[in-house]
Amino acid sequence: MEYFVQQLINGLTLGSIYGLIAIGYTMVYGIIGMINFA
């Protein structure tokens, strides 16, 4: 059970990081109009 809770927390942390990155790229794209990956 402890392992499951740890994996759940890891998944939520990783998901929130990916979500913040996606929101950041969306905001940049909305302001600039294009995405520069350089």
PDB file of N, CA and C in Angstrom:
ATOM      1  N   MET A   1       0.839  -1.206   0.000  1.00  0.00           N
ATOM      2  CA  MET A   1       0.000   0.000   0.000  1.00  0.00           C
ATOM      3  C   MET A   1       0.875   1.258   0.000  1.00  0.00           C
ATOM      4  N   GLU A   2       1.949   1.214   0.780  1.00  0.00           N
ATOM      5  CA  GLU A   2       2.843   2.368   0.859  1.00  0.00           C
ATOM      6  C   GLU A   2       3.475   2.658  -0.500  1.00  0.00           C
ATOM      7  N   TYR A   3       3.825   1.596  -1.228  1.00  0.00           N
ATOM      8  CA  TYR A   3       4.412   1.756  -2.565  1.00  0.00           C
ATOM      9  C   TYR A   3       3.424   2.423  -3.507  1.00  0.00           C
ATOM     10  N   PHE A   4       2.154   2.020  -3.417  1.00  0.00           N
ATOM     11  CA  PHE A   4       1.118   2.601  -4.278  1.00  0.00           C
ATOM     12  C   PHE A   4       0.964   4.094  -4.015  1.00  0.00           C
ATOM     13  N   VAL A   5       0.954   4.483  -2.746  1.00  0.00           N
ATOM     14  CA  VAL A   5       0.814   5.899  -2.391  1.00  0.00           C
ATOM     15  C   VAL A   5       2.005   6.692  -2.913  1.00  0.00           C
ATOM     16  N   GLN A   6       3.214   6.117  -2.797  1.00  0.00           N
ATOM     17  CA  GLN A   6       4.417   6.795  -3.272  1.00  0.00           C
ATOM     18  C   GLN A   6       4.366   6.993  -4.784  1.00  0.00           C
ATOM     19  N   GLN A   7       3.943   5.958  -5.500  1.00  0.00           N
ATOM     20  CA  GLN A   7       3.827   6.065  -6.955  1.00  0.00           C
ATOM     21  C   GLN A   7       2.761   7.084  -7.348  1.00  0.00           C
ATOM     22  N   LEU A   8       1.672   7.144  -6.599  1.00  0.00           N
ATOM     23  CA  LEU A   8       0.607   8.104  -6.867  1.00  0.00           C
ATOM     24  C   LEU A   8       1.126   9.534  -6.715  1.00  0.00           C
ATOM     25  N   ILE A   9       1.890   9.778  -5.647  1.00  0.00           N
ATOM     26  CA  ILE A   9       2.460  11.110  -5.420  1.00  0.00           C
ATOM     27  C   ILE A   9       3.441  11.463  -6.528  1.00  0.00           C
ATOM     28  N   ASN A  10       4.283  10.497  -6.931  1.00  0.00           N
ATOM     29  CA  ASN A  10       5.229  10.743  -8.016  1.00  0.00           C
ATOM     30  C   ASN A  10       4.493  11.083  -9.304  1.00  0.00           C
ATOM     31  N   GLY A  11       3.429  10.370  -9.599  1.00  0.00           N
ATOM     32  CA  GLY A  11       2.655  10.620 -10.810  1.00  0.00           C
ATOM     33  C   GLY A  11       2.014  11.993 -10.799  1.00  0.00           C
ATOM     34  N   LEU A  12       1.455  12.390  -9.662  1.00  0.00           N
ATOM     35  CA  LEU A  12       0.831  13.710  -9.557  1.00  0.00           C
ATOM     36  C   LEU A  12       1.868  14.819  -9.704  1.00  0.00           C
ATOM     37  N   THR A  13       3.048  14.617  -9.112  1.00  0.00           N
ATOM     38  CA  THR A  13       4.110  15.618  -9.222  1.00  0.00           C
ATOM     39  C   THR A  13       4.545  15.778 -10.667  1.00  0.00           C
ATOM     40  N   LEU A  14       4.806  14.655 -11.337  1.00  0.00           N
ATOM     41  CA  LEU A  14       5.238  14.700 -12.735  1.00  0.00           C
ATOM     42  C   LEU A  14       4.150  15.300 -13.616  1.00  0.00           C
ATOM     43  N   GLY A  15       2.910  14.935 -13.364  1.00  0.00           N
ATOM     44  CA  GLY A  15       1.798  15.470 -14.140  1.00  0.00           C
ATOM     45  C   GLY A  15       1.656  16.974 -13.974  1.00  0.00           C
ATOM     46  N   SER A  16       1.842  17.463 -12.754  1.00  0.00           N
ATOM     47  CA  SER A  16       1.726  18.905 -12.530  1.00  0.00           C
ATOM     48  C   SER A  16       2.855  19.658 -13.219  1.00  0.00           C
ATOM     49  N   ILE A  17       4.056  19.064 -13.235  1.00  0.00           N
ATOM     50  CA  ILE A  17       5.183  19.697 -13.929  1.00  0.00           C
ATOM     51  C   ILE A  17       4.893  19.779 -15.421  1.00  0.00           C
ATOM     52  N   TYR A  18       4.432  18.663 -16.005  1.00  0.00           N
ATOM     53  CA  TYR A  18       4.084  18.673 -17.430  1.00  0.00           C
ATOM     54  C   TYR A  18       2.973  19.683 -17.712  1.00  0.00           C
ATOM     55  N   GLY A  19       2.013  19.779 -16.806  1.00  0.00           N
ATOM     56  CA  GLY A  19       0.919  20.729 -16.976  1.00  0.00           C
ATOM     57  C   GLY A  19       1.418  22.167 -16.970  1.00  0.00           C
ATOM     58  N   LEU A  20       2.334  22.486 -16.045  1.00  0.00           N
ATOM     59  CA  LEU A  20       2.883  23.840 -15.994  1.00  0.00           C
ATOM     60  C   LEU A  20       3.657  24.165 -17.262  1.00  0.00           C
ATOM     61  N   ILE A  21       4.427  23.201 -17.777  1.00  0.00           N
ATOM     62  CA  ILE A  21       5.170  23.415 -19.026  1.00  0.00           C
ATOM     63  C   ILE A  21       4.198  23.672 -20.169  1.00  0.00           C
ATOM     64  N   ALA A  22       3.135  22.874 -20.243  1.00  0.00           N
ATOM     65  CA  ALA A  22       2.153  23.036 -21.317  1.00  0.00           C
ATOM     66  C   ALA A  22       1.471  24.401 -21.224  1.00  0.00           C
ATOM     67  N   ILE A  23       1.114  24.832 -20.019  1.00  0.00           N
ATOM     68  CA  ILE A  23       0.485  26.143 -19.837  1.00  0.00           C
ATOM     69  C   ILE A  23       1.454  27.255 -20.237  1.00  0.00           C
ATOM     70  N   GLY A  24       2.723  27.100 -19.880  1.00  0.00           N
ATOM     71  CA  GLY A  24       3.729  28.094 -20.250  1.00  0.00           C
ATOM     72  C   GLY A  24       3.863  28.225 -21.756  1.00  0.00           C
ATOM     73  N   TYR A  25       3.957  27.081 -22.463  1.00  0.00           N
ATOM     74  CA  TYR A  25       4.060  27.131 -23.921  1.00  0.00           C
ATOM     75  C   TYR A  25       2.797  27.720 -24.540  1.00  0.00           C
ATOM     76  N   THR A  26       1.639  27.414 -23.968  1.00  0.00           N
ATOM     77  CA  THR A  26       0.386  27.967 -24.493  1.00  0.00           C
ATOM     78  C   THR A  26       0.360  29.485 -24.348  1.00  0.00           C
ATOM     79  N   MET A  27       0.798  29.996 -23.203  1.00  0.00           N
ATOM     80  CA  MET A  27       0.830  31.443 -22.986  1.00  0.00           C
ATOM     81  C   MET A  27       1.811  32.109 -23.942  1.00  0.00           C
ATOM     82  N   VAL A  28       3.002  31.512 -24.113  1.00  0.00           N
ATOM     83  CA  VAL A  28       4.000  32.075 -25.023  1.00  0.00           C
ATOM     84  C   VAL A  28       3.466  32.072 -26.447  1.00  0.00           C
ATOM     85  N   TYR A  29       2.819  30.977 -26.839  1.00  0.00           N
ATOM     86  CA  TYR A  29       2.270  30.894 -28.191  1.00  0.00           C
ATOM     87  C   TYR A  29       1.174  31.939 -28.392  1.00  0.00           C
ATOM     88  N   GLY A  30       0.365  32.163 -27.379  1.00  0.00           N
ATOM     89  CA  GLY A  30      -0.702  33.154 -27.483  1.00  0.00           C
ATOM     90  C   GLY A  30      -0.160  34.568 -27.613  1.00  0.00           C
ATOM     91  N   ILE A  31       0.964  34.854 -26.950  1.00  0.00           N
ATOM     92  CA  ILE A  31       1.532  36.202 -26.987  1.00  0.00           C
ATOM     93  C   ILE A  31       2.323  36.416 -28.280  1.00  0.00           C
ATOM     94  N   ILE A  32       3.188  35.470 -28.612  1.00  0.00           N
ATOM     95  CA  ILE A  32       4.098  35.652 -29.753  1.00  0.00           C
ATOM     96  C   ILE A  32       3.450  35.187 -31.057  1.00  0.00           C
ATOM     97  N   GLY A  33       2.693  34.103 -31.013  1.00  0.00           N
ATOM     98  CA  GLY A  33       2.061  33.593 -32.220  1.00  0.00           C
ATOM     99  C   GLY A  33       2.826  32.454 -32.852  1.00  0.00           C
ATOM    100  N   MET A  34       3.990  32.134 -32.294  1.00  0.00           N
ATOM    101  CA  MET A  34       4.738  30.980 -32.795  1.00  0.00           C
ATOM    102  C   MET A  34       5.596  30.438 -31.666  1.00  0.00           C
ATOM    103  N   ILE A  35       5.956  29.161 -31.770  1.00  0.00           N
ATOM    104  CA  ILE A  35       6.739  28.516 -30.720  1.00  0.00           C
ATOM    105  C   ILE A  35       8.169  28.329 -31.224  1.00  0.00           C
ATOM    106  N   ASN A  36       9.131  28.812 -30.448  1.00  0.00           N
ATOM    107  CA  ASN A  36      10.537  28.648 -30.794  1.00  0.00           C
ATOM    108  C   ASN A  36      11.165  27.674 -29.797  1.00  0.00           C
ATOM    109  N   PHE A  37      11.564  26.487 -30.274  1.00  0.00           N
ATOM    110  CA  PHE A  37      12.135  25.466 -29.400  1.00  0.00           C
ATOM    111  C   PHE A  37      13.648  25.608 -29.246  1.00  0.00           C
ATOM    112  N   ALA A  38      14.236  26.608 -29.873  1.00  0.00           N
ATOM    113  CA  ALA A  38      15.677  26.777 -29.805  1.00  0.00           C
ATOM    114  C   ALA A  38      16.106  27.224 -28.397  1.00  0.00           C
TER     115      ALA A  38
END
